[in-house]
Amino acid sequence: MSEPQISLTDTAAKRVAWIAARQSKPAILRLAVDGGGCAGFTYKFELADGPDAEDSVAENDGVKLVVDPVSLELVKGSAVDFVEDLGGSAFRVTNPNAQSGCGCGSSFSV
């Protein structure tokens, strides 16, 4: 298995584990990139039952982050974090490939 091309921070791993436990699901977070949003692409997060055969998988403390190959091209080298601030709490992607983003932090362009 090759080195993961995306990472999950400790804070995000703890949050995924907490959410998964409350929903009685495995601690697996799927990150996908969809067209749309205010900057061209938007991040989509959901709990997954498991990785698909072609997914890239990153792991932190037993929690998995899975990304499909098409989305991975747009988020390669990124870190997924969980942040809580006055605007609320959310998973956030620190994406070195993004040319620009937007105020909401969930949309970007390349």
N, C-alpha and C. Protein backbone atom coordinates (compact mmCIF):
# COMPACT_ATOMS: atom_id res chain seq x y z
N MET A 1 0.85 -1.19 0.00
CA MET A 1 0.00 0.00 0.00
C MET A 1 0.89 1.24 0.00
N SER A 2 0.57 2.21 -0.83
CA SER A 2 1.39 3.41 -0.94
C SER A 2 1.10 4.38 0.19
N GLU A 3 1.99 5.33 0.35
CA GLU A 3 1.83 6.37 1.37
C GLU A 3 0.55 7.16 1.09
N PRO A 4 -0.27 7.43 2.12
CA PRO A 4 -1.50 8.20 1.88
C PRO A 4 -1.18 9.58 1.30
N GLN A 5 -2.00 10.03 0.38
CA GLN A 5 -1.78 11.31 -0.28
C GLN A 5 -2.64 12.41 0.33
N ILE A 6 -3.29 12.07 1.44
CA ILE A 6 -4.11 13.01 2.18
C ILE A 6 -4.04 12.59 3.64
N SER A 7 -4.24 13.52 4.55
CA SER A 7 -4.13 13.15 5.96
C SER A 7 -5.33 13.64 6.76
N LEU A 8 -5.50 13.01 7.92
CA LEU A 8 -6.60 13.32 8.84
C LEU A 8 -5.94 13.75 10.15
N THR A 9 -6.25 14.96 10.62
CA THR A 9 -5.64 15.44 11.86
C THR A 9 -6.20 14.68 13.06
N ASP A 10 -5.50 14.80 14.18
CA ASP A 10 -5.95 14.15 15.42
C ASP A 10 -7.34 14.65 15.81
N THR A 11 -7.56 15.97 15.69
CA THR A 11 -8.84 16.57 16.06
C THR A 11 -9.97 16.01 15.19
N ALA A 12 -9.72 15.90 13.89
CA ALA A 12 -10.73 15.37 12.98
C ALA A 12 -10.99 13.90 13.27
N ALA A 13 -9.94 13.13 13.55
CA ALA A 13 -10.11 11.70 13.85
C ALA A 13 -10.98 11.51 15.09
N LYS A 14 -10.73 12.32 16.12
CA LYS A 14 -11.53 12.22 17.35
C LYS A 14 -13.00 12.53 17.06
N ARG A 15 -13.25 13.55 16.23
CA ARG A 15 -14.63 13.94 15.92
C ARG A 15 -15.34 12.85 15.11
N VAL A 16 -14.64 12.27 14.12
CA VAL A 16 -15.23 11.19 13.33
C VAL A 16 -15.58 10.01 14.24
N ALA A 17 -14.66 9.65 15.14
CA ALA A 17 -14.91 8.54 16.06
C ALA A 17 -16.14 8.83 16.92
N TRP A 18 -16.27 10.06 17.39
CA TRP A 18 -17.40 10.45 18.24
C TRP A 18 -18.72 10.35 17.46
N ILE A 19 -18.74 10.91 16.25
CA ILE A 19 -19.95 10.87 15.41
C ILE A 19 -20.31 9.42 15.07
N ALA A 20 -19.32 8.64 14.67
CA ALA A 20 -19.56 7.25 14.28
C ALA A 20 -20.12 6.44 15.46
N ALA A 21 -19.59 6.66 16.65
CA ALA A 21 -20.07 5.95 17.84
C ALA A 21 -21.53 6.30 18.12
N ARG A 22 -21.88 7.56 17.99
CA ARG A 22 -23.27 7.99 18.23
C ARG A 22 -24.23 7.40 17.21
N GLN A 23 -23.75 7.15 15.99
CA GLN A 23 -24.60 6.62 14.93
C GLN A 23 -24.42 5.10 14.75
N SER A 24 -23.63 4.48 15.62
CA SER A 24 -23.33 3.04 15.53
C SER A 24 -22.84 2.64 14.14
N LYS A 25 -21.90 3.42 13.63
CA LYS A 25 -21.31 3.15 12.31
C LYS A 25 -19.81 3.02 12.47
N PRO A 26 -19.14 2.44 11.46
CA PRO A 26 -17.67 2.41 11.53
C PRO A 26 -17.09 3.81 11.43
N ALA A 27 -15.91 4.00 12.03
CA ALA A 27 -15.27 5.32 12.04
C ALA A 27 -14.52 5.53 10.72
N ILE A 28 -15.30 5.73 9.65
CA ILE A 28 -14.74 5.94 8.32
C ILE A 28 -15.40 7.18 7.72
N LEU A 29 -14.58 8.18 7.42
CA LEU A 29 -15.09 9.42 6.82
C LEU A 29 -14.74 9.43 5.34
N ARG A 30 -15.75 9.64 4.49
CA ARG A 30 -15.51 9.76 3.05
C ARG A 30 -15.50 11.23 2.67
N LEU A 31 -14.44 11.63 1.97
CA LEU A 31 -14.33 12.97 1.41
C LEU A 31 -14.50 12.86 -0.09
N ALA A 32 -15.43 13.62 -0.65
CA ALA A 32 -15.62 13.67 -2.09
C ALA A 32 -15.62 15.13 -2.52
N VAL A 33 -15.29 15.36 -3.77
CA VAL A 33 -15.32 16.70 -4.33
C VAL A 33 -16.40 16.73 -5.39
N ASP A 34 -17.32 17.67 -5.27
CA ASP A 34 -18.41 17.84 -6.24
C ASP A 34 -18.22 19.16 -6.96
N GLY A 35 -18.73 19.25 -8.18
CA GLY A 35 -18.77 20.52 -8.88
C GLY A 35 -19.81 21.40 -8.22
N GLY A 36 -19.57 22.71 -8.23
CA GLY A 36 -20.55 23.63 -7.65
C GLY A 36 -19.92 24.45 -6.54
N GLY A 37 -20.75 24.99 -5.69
CA GLY A 37 -20.25 25.86 -4.64
C GLY A 37 -19.93 27.23 -5.21
N CYS A 38 -19.56 28.16 -4.34
CA CYS A 38 -19.34 29.53 -4.81
C CYS A 38 -18.00 29.70 -5.51
N ALA A 39 -17.10 28.70 -5.44
CA ALA A 39 -15.79 28.86 -6.08
C ALA A 39 -15.51 27.78 -7.15
N GLY A 40 -16.47 26.93 -7.47
CA GLY A 40 -16.28 25.95 -8.55
C GLY A 40 -16.35 24.50 -8.10
N PHE A 41 -15.76 24.18 -6.95
CA PHE A 41 -15.82 22.84 -6.39
C PHE A 41 -16.22 22.94 -4.94
N THR A 42 -16.84 21.89 -4.42
CA THR A 42 -17.22 21.88 -3.01
C THR A 42 -16.85 20.54 -2.39
N TYR A 43 -16.48 20.56 -1.12
CA TYR A 43 -16.15 19.35 -0.39
C TYR A 43 -17.42 18.73 0.17
N LYS A 44 -17.49 17.41 0.12
CA LYS A 44 -18.64 16.70 0.67
C LYS A 44 -18.12 15.62 1.61
N PHE A 45 -18.63 15.61 2.84
CA PHE A 45 -18.22 14.62 3.84
C PHE A 45 -19.40 13.75 4.21
N GLU A 46 -19.13 12.45 4.42
CA GLU A 46 -20.17 11.55 4.95
C GLU A 46 -19.49 10.35 5.58
N LEU A 47 -20.19 9.71 6.52
CA LEU A 47 -19.67 8.47 7.07
C LEU A 47 -19.85 7.38 6.03
N ALA A 48 -18.86 6.50 5.92
CA ALA A 48 -18.91 5.43 4.92
C ALA A 48 -18.91 4.09 5.64
N ASP A 49 -19.43 3.07 4.95
CA ASP A 49 -19.42 1.72 5.51
C ASP A 49 -18.05 1.07 5.35
N GLY A 50 -17.31 1.52 4.36
CA GLY A 50 -15.97 0.99 4.14
C GLY A 50 -15.40 1.59 2.88
N PRO A 51 -14.10 1.40 2.67
CA PRO A 51 -13.50 1.92 1.44
C PRO A 51 -13.85 1.05 0.24
N ASP A 52 -13.98 1.68 -0.92
CA ASP A 52 -14.12 0.95 -2.18
C ASP A 52 -12.72 0.52 -2.61
N ALA A 53 -12.64 -0.43 -3.53
CA ALA A 53 -11.35 -0.99 -3.96
C ALA A 53 -10.38 0.06 -4.47
N GLU A 54 -10.88 1.08 -5.17
CA GLU A 54 -9.97 2.07 -5.78
C GLU A 54 -9.72 3.29 -4.89
N ASP A 55 -10.33 3.35 -3.72
CA ASP A 55 -10.16 4.49 -2.83
C ASP A 55 -8.74 4.58 -2.26
N SER A 56 -8.29 5.79 -1.99
CA SER A 56 -7.10 6.02 -1.19
C SER A 56 -7.56 6.09 0.26
N VAL A 57 -6.78 5.53 1.15
CA VAL A 57 -7.16 5.48 2.56
C VAL A 57 -6.04 6.06 3.41
N ALA A 58 -6.41 7.00 4.28
CA ALA A 58 -5.48 7.53 5.29
C ALA A 58 -6.06 7.12 6.63
N GLU A 59 -5.21 6.88 7.60
CA GLU A 59 -5.70 6.45 8.90
C GLU A 59 -5.02 7.22 10.02
N ASN A 60 -5.78 7.54 11.06
CA ASN A 60 -5.25 8.21 12.23
C ASN A 60 -5.96 7.64 13.44
N ASP A 61 -5.23 6.96 14.31
CA ASP A 61 -5.77 6.43 15.55
C ASP A 61 -6.98 5.52 15.31
N GLY A 62 -6.92 4.69 14.28
CA GLY A 62 -7.99 3.74 13.99
C GLY A 62 -9.13 4.32 13.17
N VAL A 63 -9.12 5.62 12.92
CA VAL A 63 -10.16 6.27 12.11
C VAL A 63 -9.64 6.38 10.68
N LYS A 64 -10.50 6.02 9.72
CA LYS A 64 -10.08 6.06 8.32
C LYS A 64 -10.71 7.24 7.58
N LEU A 65 -9.93 7.80 6.66
CA LEU A 65 -10.40 8.82 5.72
C LEU A 65 -10.26 8.19 4.35
N VAL A 66 -11.36 8.09 3.60
CA VAL A 66 -11.32 7.49 2.27
C VAL A 66 -11.68 8.53 1.22
N VAL A 67 -10.95 8.47 0.09
CA VAL A 67 -11.15 9.44 -1.00
C VAL A 67 -11.10 8.69 -2.32
N ASP A 68 -12.09 8.94 -3.19
CA ASP A 68 -12.11 8.29 -4.50
C ASP A 68 -11.02 8.89 -5.39
N PRO A 69 -10.59 8.17 -6.45
CA PRO A 69 -9.47 8.64 -7.28
C PRO A 69 -9.70 9.99 -7.96
N VAL A 70 -10.90 10.28 -8.41
CA VAL A 70 -11.18 11.55 -9.09
C VAL A 70 -11.06 12.70 -8.09
N SER A 71 -11.65 12.55 -6.92
CA SER A 71 -11.56 13.60 -5.89
C SER A 71 -10.12 13.77 -5.42
N LEU A 72 -9.39 12.65 -5.32
CA LEU A 72 -8.02 12.70 -4.81
C LEU A 72 -7.14 13.61 -5.66
N GLU A 73 -7.37 13.61 -6.97
CA GLU A 73 -6.58 14.48 -7.85
C GLU A 73 -6.70 15.95 -7.44
N LEU A 74 -7.85 16.33 -6.90
CA LEU A 74 -8.10 17.72 -6.52
C LEU A 74 -7.68 18.05 -5.08
N VAL A 75 -7.49 17.02 -4.26
CA VAL A 75 -7.16 17.26 -2.84
C VAL A 75 -5.83 16.64 -2.42
N LYS A 76 -5.04 16.16 -3.39
CA LYS A 76 -3.76 15.52 -3.08
C LYS A 76 -2.89 16.45 -2.24
N GLY A 77 -2.33 15.90 -1.15
CA GLY A 77 -1.48 16.70 -0.28
C GLY A 77 -2.23 17.47 0.78
N SER A 78 -3.55 17.33 0.82
CA SER A 78 -4.38 18.09 1.77
C SER A 78 -4.41 17.43 3.15
N ALA A 79 -4.85 18.20 4.11
CA ALA A 79 -5.12 17.70 5.46
C ALA A 79 -6.57 18.02 5.79
N VAL A 80 -7.27 17.06 6.37
CA VAL A 80 -8.65 17.27 6.81
C VAL A 80 -8.61 17.50 8.32
N ASP A 81 -9.16 18.63 8.75
CA ASP A 81 -9.17 19.00 10.16
C ASP A 81 -10.62 19.23 10.60
N PHE A 82 -10.83 19.30 11.90
CA PHE A 82 -12.13 19.67 12.44
C PHE A 82 -11.92 20.92 13.27
N VAL A 83 -12.65 21.97 12.94
CA VAL A 83 -12.48 23.25 13.63
C VAL A 83 -13.80 23.71 14.24
N GLU A 84 -13.66 24.34 15.40
CA GLU A 84 -14.81 24.94 16.07
C GLU A 84 -14.47 26.40 16.33
N ASP A 85 -15.33 27.29 15.83
CA ASP A 85 -15.13 28.72 16.07
C ASP A 85 -16.48 29.40 16.16
N LEU A 86 -16.49 30.71 16.17
CA LEU A 86 -17.76 31.44 16.30
C LEU A 86 -18.73 31.14 15.16
N GLY A 87 -18.20 30.80 14.00
CA GLY A 87 -19.05 30.49 12.85
C GLY A 87 -19.66 29.10 12.91
N GLY A 88 -19.27 28.32 13.92
CA GLY A 88 -19.79 26.96 14.04
C GLY A 88 -18.66 25.96 14.01
N SER A 89 -19.01 24.70 13.86
CA SER A 89 -17.99 23.66 13.81
C SER A 89 -18.15 22.90 12.50
N ALA A 90 -17.01 22.51 11.93
CA ALA A 90 -17.06 21.84 10.63
C ALA A 90 -15.74 21.15 10.33
N PHE A 91 -15.81 20.17 9.45
CA PHE A 91 -14.59 19.60 8.89
C PHE A 91 -14.07 20.61 7.87
N ARG A 92 -12.75 20.81 7.87
CA ARG A 92 -12.15 21.78 6.97
C ARG A 92 -10.98 21.13 6.26
N VAL A 93 -10.83 21.41 4.98
CA VAL A 93 -9.74 20.86 4.19
C VAL A 93 -8.70 21.95 3.93
N THR A 94 -7.46 21.68 4.32
CA THR A 94 -6.35 22.57 3.99
C THR A 94 -5.76 22.02 2.71
N ASN A 95 -6.09 22.66 1.58
CA ASN A 95 -5.78 22.13 0.26
C ASN A 95 -4.71 22.97 -0.43
N PRO A 96 -3.50 22.41 -0.59
CA PRO A 96 -2.43 23.18 -1.25
C PRO A 96 -2.69 23.39 -2.75
N ASN A 97 -3.62 22.65 -3.33
CA ASN A 97 -3.92 22.76 -4.76
C ASN A 97 -4.93 23.86 -5.07
N ALA A 98 -5.64 24.34 -4.05
CA ALA A 98 -6.69 25.34 -4.28
C ALA A 98 -6.06 26.68 -4.64
N GLN A 99 -6.49 27.25 -5.76
CA GLN A 99 -6.02 28.58 -6.19
C GLN A 99 -6.74 29.66 -5.39
N SER A 100 -8.00 29.40 -5.10
CA SER A 100 -8.78 30.35 -4.32
C SER A 100 -9.86 29.60 -3.57
N GLY A 101 -10.39 30.22 -2.56
CA GLY A 101 -11.46 29.62 -1.77
C GLY A 101 -12.55 30.65 -1.57
N CYS A 102 -13.37 30.38 -0.59
CA CYS A 102 -14.45 31.32 -0.29
C CYS A 102 -14.56 31.45 1.22
N GLY A 103 -15.38 32.35 1.65
CA GLY A 103 -15.53 32.60 3.08
C GLY A 103 -16.06 31.42 3.87
N CYS A 104 -16.86 30.57 3.23
CA CYS A 104 -17.46 29.46 3.97
C CYS A 104 -16.44 28.34 4.23
N GLY A 105 -15.33 28.31 3.48
CA GLY A 105 -14.31 27.31 3.70
C GLY A 105 -14.63 25.94 3.13
N SER A 106 -15.76 25.81 2.45
CA SER A 106 -16.12 24.50 1.92
C SER A 106 -16.14 24.49 0.40
N SER A 107 -15.68 25.55 -0.22
CA SER A 107 -15.68 25.65 -1.67
C SER A 107 -14.32 26.17 -2.13
N PHE A 108 -13.86 25.72 -3.30
CA PHE A 108 -12.55 26.13 -3.78
C PHE A 108 -12.47 26.04 -5.29
N SER A 109 -11.42 26.61 -5.87
CA SER A 109 -11.17 26.47 -7.30
C SER A 109 -9.72 26.04 -7.50
N VAL A 110 -9.45 25.41 -8.65
CA VAL A 110 -8.07 24.97 -8.95
C VAL A 110 -7.60 25.59 -10.24
